[in-house]
């Protein structure tokens, strides 16, 4: 990825730096938006998103994205070296926005399980979920897993780390207990993150939503102090 687009690792580092300055979350979001997505890059990513979502990864190409964005190929190649790089930028942009919500979750003082359930439910709404064409949706998910595995892996680890951080705080203040589960904090955080994803991928939307709600009822009951 070329100079005007930050890598995901740079994005995370920038968030950490901004947090040390004590800025509010709305200010964080605006700051990151300005640094990560200059106007031209934002326009390209928005056009690429529309193009990928309507035509799929294979059928979309730089020339088509140019027409969607109303800009030249030279302008796109000045910011992105290839279609793959642009697709990765689309995922990075989506994940960068999720990180704002994750920072809010990490700093929340509200009910742990209520916050965590809402966070997981929100995360289960993937970037491609609203695409009506099932074939295109499946192809985009496949290419995201293939081309952006490193980005997705880092994002999921950050999510698990945030859940583990909140869980340790609850245990330190004796608001929760894990004696019944027999699991480490890290293993339990991984379970909380990974099981709902499996439910969503194997069940209809209404059934998945109900199953996740039941799952968190079990999580809450198993950690009652």
C-alpha atoms as a PDB file:
ATOM      1  CA  UNK A   1       0.000   0.000   0.000  1.00  0.00           C
ATOM      2  CA  UNK A   2       1.414   3.374  -0.973  1.00  0.00           C
ATOM      3  CA  UNK A   3       2.063   6.472   1.036  1.00  0.00           C
ATOM      4  CA  UNK A   4      -1.400   7.969   1.512  1.00  0.00           C
ATOM      5  CA  UNK A   5      -2.981   4.805   2.947  1.00  0.00           C
ATOM      6  CA  UNK A   6      -1.896   3.503   6.344  1.00  0.00           C
ATOM      7  CA  UNK A   7      -1.359  -0.192   6.941  1.00  0.00           C
ATOM      8  CA  UNK A   8      -3.497  -1.850   9.592  1.00  0.00           C
ATOM      9  CA  UNK A   9      -0.562  -2.043  12.005  1.00  0.00           C
ATOM     10  CA  UNK A  10       0.061   1.691  11.562  1.00  0.00           C
ATOM     11  CA  UNK A  11      -3.622   2.288  12.189  1.00  0.00           C
ATOM     12  CA  UNK A  12      -3.497   0.396  15.493  1.00  0.00           C
ATOM     13  CA  UNK A  13      -0.336   2.227  16.548  1.00  0.00           C
ATOM     14  CA  UNK A  14      -1.968   5.550  15.749  1.00  0.00           C
ATOM     15  CA  UNK A  15      -4.960   4.647  17.917  1.00  0.00           C
ATOM     16  CA  UNK A  16      -2.667   3.763  20.806  1.00  0.00           C
ATOM     17  CA  UNK A  17      -0.822   7.059  20.443  1.00  0.00           C
ATOM     18  CA  UNK A  18      -4.044   9.082  20.343  1.00  0.00           C
ATOM     19  CA  UNK A  19      -5.322   7.275  23.429  1.00  0.00           C
ATOM     20  CA  UNK A  20      -2.203   8.352  25.338  1.00  0.00           C
ATOM     21  CA  UNK A  21      -3.116  11.965  24.563  1.00  0.00           C
ATOM     22  CA  UNK A  22      -6.435  11.528  26.340  1.00  0.00           C
ATOM     23  CA  UNK A  23      -8.547  12.638  23.377  1.00  0.00           C
ATOM     24  CA  UNK A  24     -12.251  11.827  23.309  1.00  0.00           C
ATOM     25  CA  UNK A  25     -13.489   9.085  21.021  1.00  0.00           C
ATOM     26  CA  UNK A  26     -15.356  11.390  18.629  1.00  0.00           C
ATOM     27  CA  UNK A  27     -12.154  13.421  18.288  1.00  0.00           C
ATOM     28  CA  UNK A  28     -10.211  10.205  17.728  1.00  0.00           C
ATOM     29  CA  UNK A  29     -12.512   9.203  14.917  1.00  0.00           C
ATOM     30  CA  UNK A  30     -12.273  12.541  13.141  1.00  0.00           C
ATOM     31  CA  UNK A  31      -8.508  12.635  13.567  1.00  0.00           C
ATOM     32  CA  UNK A  32      -8.097   9.148  12.163  1.00  0.00           C
ATOM     33  CA  UNK A  33     -10.472   9.831   9.342  1.00  0.00           C
ATOM     34  CA  UNK A  34      -8.410  12.816   8.325  1.00  0.00           C
ATOM     35  CA  UNK A  35      -5.107  10.942   8.514  1.00  0.00           C
ATOM     36  CA  UNK A  36      -6.164   7.613   7.114  1.00  0.00           C
ATOM     37  CA  UNK A  37      -8.493   8.735   4.367  1.00  0.00           C
ATOM     38  CA  UNK A  38      -7.593  11.900   2.465  1.00  0.00           C
ATOM     39  CA  UNK A  39     -10.480  13.030   0.230  1.00  0.00           C
ATOM     40  CA  UNK A  40      -9.231  11.348  -2.956  1.00  0.00           C
ATOM     41  CA  UNK A  41      -8.450   8.083  -1.191  1.00  0.00           C
ATOM     42  CA  UNK A  42     -11.822   8.121   0.556  1.00  0.00           C
ATOM     43  CA  UNK A  43     -13.531   8.636  -2.800  1.00  0.00           C
ATOM     44  CA  UNK A  44     -11.608   5.739  -4.336  1.00  0.00           C
ATOM     45  CA  UNK A  45     -12.401   3.379  -1.462  1.00  0.00           C
ATOM     46  CA  UNK A  46     -16.109   4.313  -1.558  1.00  0.00           C
ATOM     47  CA  UNK A  47     -16.214   3.667  -5.310  1.00  0.00           C
ATOM     48  CA  UNK A  48     -14.293   0.404  -4.939  1.00  0.00           C
ATOM     49  CA  UNK A  49     -16.708  -0.700  -2.236  1.00  0.00           C
ATOM     50  CA  UNK A  50     -19.701  -0.085  -4.502  1.00  0.00           C
ATOM     51  CA  UNK A  51     -17.961  -1.826  -7.396  1.00  0.00           C
ATOM     52  CA  UNK A  52     -16.902  -4.900  -5.412  1.00  0.00           C
ATOM     53  CA  UNK A  53     -20.310  -5.192  -3.744  1.00  0.00           C
ATOM     54  CA  UNK A  54     -22.175  -5.051  -7.059  1.00  0.00           C
ATOM     55  CA  UNK A  55     -19.874  -7.116  -9.277  1.00  0.00           C
ATOM     56  CA  UNK A  56     -17.769  -9.267  -6.933  1.00  0.00           C
ATOM     57  CA  UNK A  57     -14.008  -9.421  -6.631  1.00  0.00           C
ATOM     58  CA  UNK A  58     -13.234 -11.265  -9.866  1.00  0.00           C
ATOM     59  CA  UNK A  59     -15.435  -9.133 -12.127  1.00  0.00           C
ATOM     60  CA  UNK A  60     -14.326  -5.818 -10.623  1.00  0.00           C
ATOM     61  CA  UNK A  61     -11.203  -4.199 -12.012  1.00  0.00           C
ATOM     62  CA  UNK A  62      -9.358  -0.897 -11.784  1.00  0.00           C
ATOM     63  CA  UNK A  63     -10.949   0.449 -14.981  1.00  0.00           C
ATOM     64  CA  UNK A  64     -14.438  -0.221 -13.606  1.00  0.00           C
ATOM     65  CA  UNK A  65     -13.548   1.366 -10.279  1.00  0.00           C
ATOM     66  CA  UNK A  66     -12.284   4.427 -12.204  1.00  0.00           C
ATOM     67  CA  UNK A  67     -15.703   4.810 -13.810  1.00  0.00           C
ATOM     68  CA  UNK A  68     -17.461   4.447 -10.464  1.00  0.00           C
ATOM     69  CA  UNK A  69     -15.172   7.046  -8.866  1.00  0.00           C
ATOM     70  CA  UNK A  70     -15.071   9.382 -11.855  1.00  0.00           C
ATOM     71  CA  UNK A  71     -11.286   9.630 -11.717  1.00  0.00           C
ATOM     72  CA  UNK A  72      -8.369   8.479 -13.868  1.00  0.00           C
ATOM     73  CA  UNK A  73      -6.428   5.228 -13.639  1.00  0.00           C
ATOM     74  CA  UNK A  74      -3.302   7.293 -12.918  1.00  0.00           C
ATOM     75  CA  UNK A  75      -4.954   8.751  -9.818  1.00  0.00           C
ATOM     76  CA  UNK A  76      -5.872   5.298  -8.529  1.00  0.00           C
ATOM     77  CA  UNK A  77      -2.408   3.898  -9.195  1.00  0.00           C
ATOM     78  CA  UNK A  78      -0.893   6.895  -7.425  1.00  0.00           C
ATOM     79  CA  UNK A  79      -2.602   5.668  -4.244  1.00  0.00           C
ATOM     80  CA  UNK A  80      -3.011   1.902  -4.769  1.00  0.00           C
ATOM     81  CA  UNK A  81      -0.642  -0.448  -6.553  1.00  0.00           C
ATOM     82  CA  UNK A  82      -3.270  -3.063  -7.529  1.00  0.00           C
ATOM     83  CA  UNK A  83      -6.855  -4.247  -7.170  1.00  0.00           C
ATOM     84  CA  UNK A  84      -5.741  -6.500  -4.321  1.00  0.00           C
ATOM     85  CA  UNK A  85      -4.190  -3.557  -2.470  1.00  0.00           C
ATOM     86  CA  UNK A  86      -7.417  -1.613  -2.895  1.00  0.00           C
ATOM     87  CA  UNK A  87      -9.468  -4.539  -1.604  1.00  0.00           C
ATOM     88  CA  UNK A  88      -7.214  -4.776   1.437  1.00  0.00           C
ATOM     89  CA  UNK A  89      -7.631  -1.029   2.020  1.00  0.00           C
ATOM     90  CA  UNK A  90     -11.396  -1.501   2.002  1.00  0.00           C
ATOM     91  CA  UNK A  91     -11.097  -4.125   4.754  1.00  0.00           C
ATOM     92  CA  UNK A  92      -8.599  -1.983   6.693  1.00  0.00           C
ATOM     93  CA  UNK A  93     -10.951   1.000   6.578  1.00  0.00           C
ATOM     94  CA  UNK A  94     -13.833  -1.112   7.878  1.00  0.00           C
ATOM     95  CA  UNK A  95     -11.701  -2.560  10.673  1.00  0.00           C
ATOM     96  CA  UNK A  96     -10.320   0.875  11.616  1.00  0.00           C
ATOM     97  CA  UNK A  97     -13.887   2.026  12.260  1.00  0.00           C
ATOM     98  CA  UNK A  98     -14.510  -1.081  14.378  1.00  0.00           C
ATOM     99  CA  UNK A  99     -11.449  -0.219  16.462  1.00  0.00           C
ATOM    100  CA  UNK A 100     -13.103   3.032  17.547  1.00  0.00           C
ATOM    101  CA  UNK A 101     -15.986   0.997  18.997  1.00  0.00           C
ATOM    102  CA  UNK A 102     -13.535  -1.449  20.551  1.00  0.00           C
ATOM    103  CA  UNK A 103     -11.725   1.396  22.323  1.00  0.00           C
ATOM    104  CA  UNK A 104     -15.097   2.531  23.694  1.00  0.00           C
ATOM    105  CA  UNK A 105     -15.769  -1.018  24.926  1.00  0.00           C
ATOM    106  CA  UNK A 106     -12.360  -1.267  26.631  1.00  0.00           C
ATOM    107  CA  UNK A 107     -12.968   1.945  28.566  1.00  0.00           C
ATOM    108  CA  UNK A 108     -16.586   1.231  29.508  1.00  0.00           C
ATOM    109  CA  UNK A 109     -17.532   0.910  33.175  1.00  0.00           C
ATOM    110  CA  UNK A 110     -20.955  -0.591  32.444  1.00  0.00           C
ATOM    111  CA  UNK A 111     -22.161  -4.178  32.866  1.00  0.00           C
ATOM    112  CA  UNK A 112     -19.469  -6.484  31.458  1.00  0.00           C
ATOM    113  CA  UNK A 113     -21.690  -9.138  29.919  1.00  0.00           C
ATOM    114  CA  UNK A 114     -24.191  -6.663  28.490  1.00  0.00           C
ATOM    115  CA  UNK A 115     -21.356  -4.689  26.876  1.00  0.00           C
ATOM    116  CA  UNK A 116     -19.659  -7.840  25.597  1.00  0.00           C
ATOM    117  CA  UNK A 117     -22.812  -9.326  24.116  1.00  0.00           C
ATOM    118  CA  UNK A 118     -23.538  -6.086  22.245  1.00  0.00           C
ATOM    119  CA  UNK A 119     -19.947  -5.908  21.017  1.00  0.00           C
ATOM    120  CA  UNK A 120     -20.048  -9.467  19.680  1.00  0.00           C
ATOM    121  CA  UNK A 121     -23.465  -8.989  18.061  1.00  0.00           C
ATOM    122  CA  UNK A 122     -22.142  -5.883  16.308  1.00  0.00           C
ATOM    123  CA  UNK A 123     -19.002  -7.728  15.185  1.00  0.00           C
ATOM    124  CA  UNK A 124     -21.071 -10.577  13.772  1.00  0.00           C
ATOM    125  CA  UNK A 125     -22.551  -8.084  11.305  1.00  0.00           C
ATOM    126  CA  UNK A 126     -19.828  -8.417   8.694  1.00  0.00           C
ATOM    127  CA  UNK A 127     -18.899  -5.899   6.042  1.00  0.00           C
ATOM    128  CA  UNK A 128     -20.461  -8.069   3.321  1.00  0.00           C
ATOM    129  CA  UNK A 129     -23.627  -9.143   5.155  1.00  0.00           C
ATOM    130  CA  UNK A 130     -25.977  -6.681   3.428  1.00  0.00           C
ATOM    131  CA  UNK A 131     -25.018  -7.745  -0.098  1.00  0.00           C
ATOM    132  CA  UNK A 132     -28.215  -9.322  -1.522  1.00  0.00           C
ATOM    133  CA  UNK A 133     -26.477 -11.491  -4.134  1.00  0.00           C
ATOM    134  CA  UNK A 134     -25.386 -14.639  -2.311  1.00  0.00           C
ATOM    135  CA  UNK A 135     -22.816 -15.620  -4.941  1.00  0.00           C
ATOM    136  CA  UNK A 136     -21.085 -12.242  -4.805  1.00  0.00           C
ATOM    137  CA  UNK A 137     -21.240 -12.211  -1.002  1.00  0.00           C
ATOM    138  CA  UNK A 138     -19.637 -15.664  -0.778  1.00  0.00           C
ATOM    139  CA  UNK A 139     -16.924 -14.723  -3.267  1.00  0.00           C
ATOM    140  CA  UNK A 140     -16.037 -11.548  -1.363  1.00  0.00           C
ATOM    141  CA  UNK A 141     -15.886 -13.430   1.948  1.00  0.00           C
ATOM    142  CA  UNK A 142     -13.638 -16.056   0.333  1.00  0.00           C
ATOM    143  CA  UNK A 143     -11.282 -13.418  -1.059  1.00  0.00           C
ATOM    144  CA  UNK A 144     -11.233 -11.529   2.239  1.00  0.00           C
ATOM    145  CA  UNK A 145     -10.155 -14.704   4.022  1.00  0.00           C
ATOM    146  CA  UNK A 146      -7.580 -15.415   1.314  1.00  0.00           C
ATOM    147  CA  UNK A 147      -6.114 -11.933   0.716  1.00  0.00           C
ATOM    148  CA  UNK A 148      -6.649 -10.313   4.104  1.00  0.00           C
ATOM    149  CA  UNK A 149      -5.995 -13.158   6.524  1.00  0.00           C
ATOM    150  CA  UNK A 150      -3.287 -11.176   8.320  1.00  0.00           C
ATOM    151  CA  UNK A 151      -5.573  -8.172   8.799  1.00  0.00           C
ATOM    152  CA  UNK A 152      -8.445 -10.316  10.064  1.00  0.00           C
ATOM    153  CA  UNK A 153      -6.157 -12.265  12.413  1.00  0.00           C
ATOM    154  CA  UNK A 154      -4.842  -9.080  14.028  1.00  0.00           C
ATOM    155  CA  UNK A 155      -8.373  -7.684  14.350  1.00  0.00           C
ATOM    156  CA  UNK A 156      -9.670 -10.831  16.059  1.00  0.00           C
ATOM    157  CA  UNK A 157      -6.708 -10.911  18.442  1.00  0.00           C
ATOM    158  CA  UNK A 158      -7.348  -7.271  19.405  1.00  0.00           C
ATOM    159  CA  UNK A 159     -10.966  -8.208  20.117  1.00  0.00           C
ATOM    160  CA  UNK A 160      -9.924 -11.130  22.328  1.00  0.00           C
ATOM    161  CA  UNK A 161      -7.396  -8.951  24.147  1.00  0.00           C
ATOM    162  CA  UNK A 162     -10.070  -6.337  24.852  1.00  0.00           C
ATOM    163  CA  UNK A 163     -12.468  -8.959  26.239  1.00  0.00           C
ATOM    164  CA  UNK A 164      -9.682 -10.453  28.379  1.00  0.00           C
ATOM    165  CA  UNK A 165      -8.772  -7.000  29.721  1.00  0.00           C
ATOM    166  CA  UNK A 166     -12.350  -6.298  30.773  1.00  0.00           C
ATOM    167  CA  UNK A 167     -12.681  -9.811  32.226  1.00  0.00           C
ATOM    168  CA  UNK A 168      -9.547  -9.390  34.382  1.00  0.00           C
ATOM    169  CA  UNK A 169     -10.965  -6.153  35.771  1.00  0.00           C
ATOM    170  CA  UNK A 170     -14.207  -7.912  36.698  1.00  0.00           C
ATOM    171  CA  UNK A 171     -12.281 -10.718  38.408  1.00  0.00           C
ATOM    172  CA  UNK A 172     -10.031  -8.294  40.297  1.00  0.00           C
ATOM    173  CA  UNK A 173     -13.101  -6.550  41.727  1.00  0.00           C
ATOM    174  CA  UNK A 174     -14.786  -9.905  42.508  1.00  0.00           C
ATOM    175  CA  UNK A 175     -17.746  -9.076  40.286  1.00  0.00           C
ATOM    176  CA  UNK A 176     -17.241 -12.317  38.352  1.00  0.00           C
ATOM    177  CA  UNK A 177     -15.765 -15.721  39.112  1.00  0.00           C
ATOM    178  CA  UNK A 178     -14.266 -18.259  36.732  1.00  0.00           C
ATOM    179  CA  UNK A 179     -13.878 -21.093  39.228  1.00  0.00           C
ATOM    180  CA  UNK A 180     -16.725 -23.065  37.645  1.00  0.00           C
ATOM    181  CA  UNK A 181     -15.360 -22.799  34.089  1.00  0.00           C
ATOM    182  CA  UNK A 182     -11.846 -24.010  34.867  1.00  0.00           C
ATOM    183  CA  UNK A 183     -10.580 -21.877  31.983  1.00  0.00           C
ATOM    184  CA  UNK A 184      -7.884 -19.230  31.819  1.00  0.00           C
ATOM    185  CA  UNK A 185      -8.903 -15.664  31.058  1.00  0.00           C
ATOM    186  CA  UNK A 186      -7.330 -15.930  27.591  1.00  0.00           C
ATOM    187  CA  UNK A 187      -9.113 -19.202  26.766  1.00  0.00           C
ATOM    188  CA  UNK A 188     -12.445 -17.857  27.953  1.00  0.00           C
ATOM    189  CA  UNK A 189     -12.010 -14.643  25.937  1.00  0.00           C
ATOM    190  CA  UNK A 190     -11.234 -16.750  22.858  1.00  0.00           C
ATOM    191  CA  UNK A 191     -14.379 -18.810  23.464  1.00  0.00           C
ATOM    192  CA  UNK A 192     -16.501 -15.674  23.772  1.00  0.00           C
ATOM    193  CA  UNK A 193     -15.098 -14.363  20.490  1.00  0.00           C
ATOM    194  CA  UNK A 194     -15.053 -17.513  18.370  1.00  0.00           C
ATOM    195  CA  UNK A 195     -18.257 -19.424  19.214  1.00  0.00           C
ATOM    196  CA  UNK A 196     -20.715 -16.718  18.022  1.00  0.00           C
ATOM    197  CA  UNK A 197     -18.884 -16.584  14.676  1.00  0.00           C
ATOM    198  CA  UNK A 198     -19.530 -20.305  14.225  1.00  0.00           C
ATOM    199  CA  UNK A 199     -23.198 -19.816  15.086  1.00  0.00           C
ATOM    200  CA  UNK A 200     -23.618 -17.003  12.575  1.00  0.00           C
ATOM    201  CA  UNK A 201     -21.940 -18.983   9.805  1.00  0.00           C
ATOM    202  CA  UNK A 202     -24.146 -22.052  10.309  1.00  0.00           C
ATOM    203  CA  UNK A 203     -27.616 -20.690  11.123  1.00  0.00           C
ATOM    204  CA  UNK A 204     -30.285 -18.404   9.724  1.00  0.00           C
ATOM    205  CA  UNK A 205     -30.189 -14.806  10.957  1.00  0.00           C
ATOM    206  CA  UNK A 206     -33.095 -15.039  13.437  1.00  0.00           C
ATOM    207  CA  UNK A 207     -31.912 -18.392  14.780  1.00  0.00           C
ATOM    208  CA  UNK A 208     -28.342 -17.127  15.101  1.00  0.00           C
ATOM    209  CA  UNK A 209     -29.450 -14.028  17.002  1.00  0.00           C
ATOM    210  CA  UNK A 210     -31.498 -16.112  19.453  1.00  0.00           C
ATOM    211  CA  UNK A 211     -28.680 -18.653  19.881  1.00  0.00           C
ATOM    212  CA  UNK A 212     -26.129 -15.931  20.645  1.00  0.00           C
ATOM    213  CA  UNK A 213     -28.465 -14.463  23.246  1.00  0.00           C
ATOM    214  CA  UNK A 214     -28.821 -17.889  24.880  1.00  0.00           C
ATOM    215  CA  UNK A 215     -25.063 -18.393  24.713  1.00  0.00           C
ATOM    216  CA  UNK A 216     -24.433 -15.202  26.651  1.00  0.00           C
ATOM    217  CA  UNK A 217     -27.012 -16.251  29.233  1.00  0.00           C
ATOM    218  CA  UNK A 218     -24.858 -19.342  29.777  1.00  0.00           C
ATOM    219  CA  UNK A 219     -21.665 -17.264  29.897  1.00  0.00           C
ATOM    220  CA  UNK A 220     -23.186 -14.959  32.502  1.00  0.00           C
ATOM    221  CA  UNK A 221     -24.486 -17.836  34.635  1.00  0.00           C
ATOM    222  CA  UNK A 222     -21.149 -19.679  34.525  1.00  0.00           C
ATOM    223  CA  UNK A 223     -19.253 -16.638  35.827  1.00  0.00           C
ATOM    224  CA  UNK A 224     -21.608 -15.458  38.542  1.00  0.00           C
ATOM    225  CA  UNK A 225     -19.566 -14.612  41.619  1.00  0.00           C
END
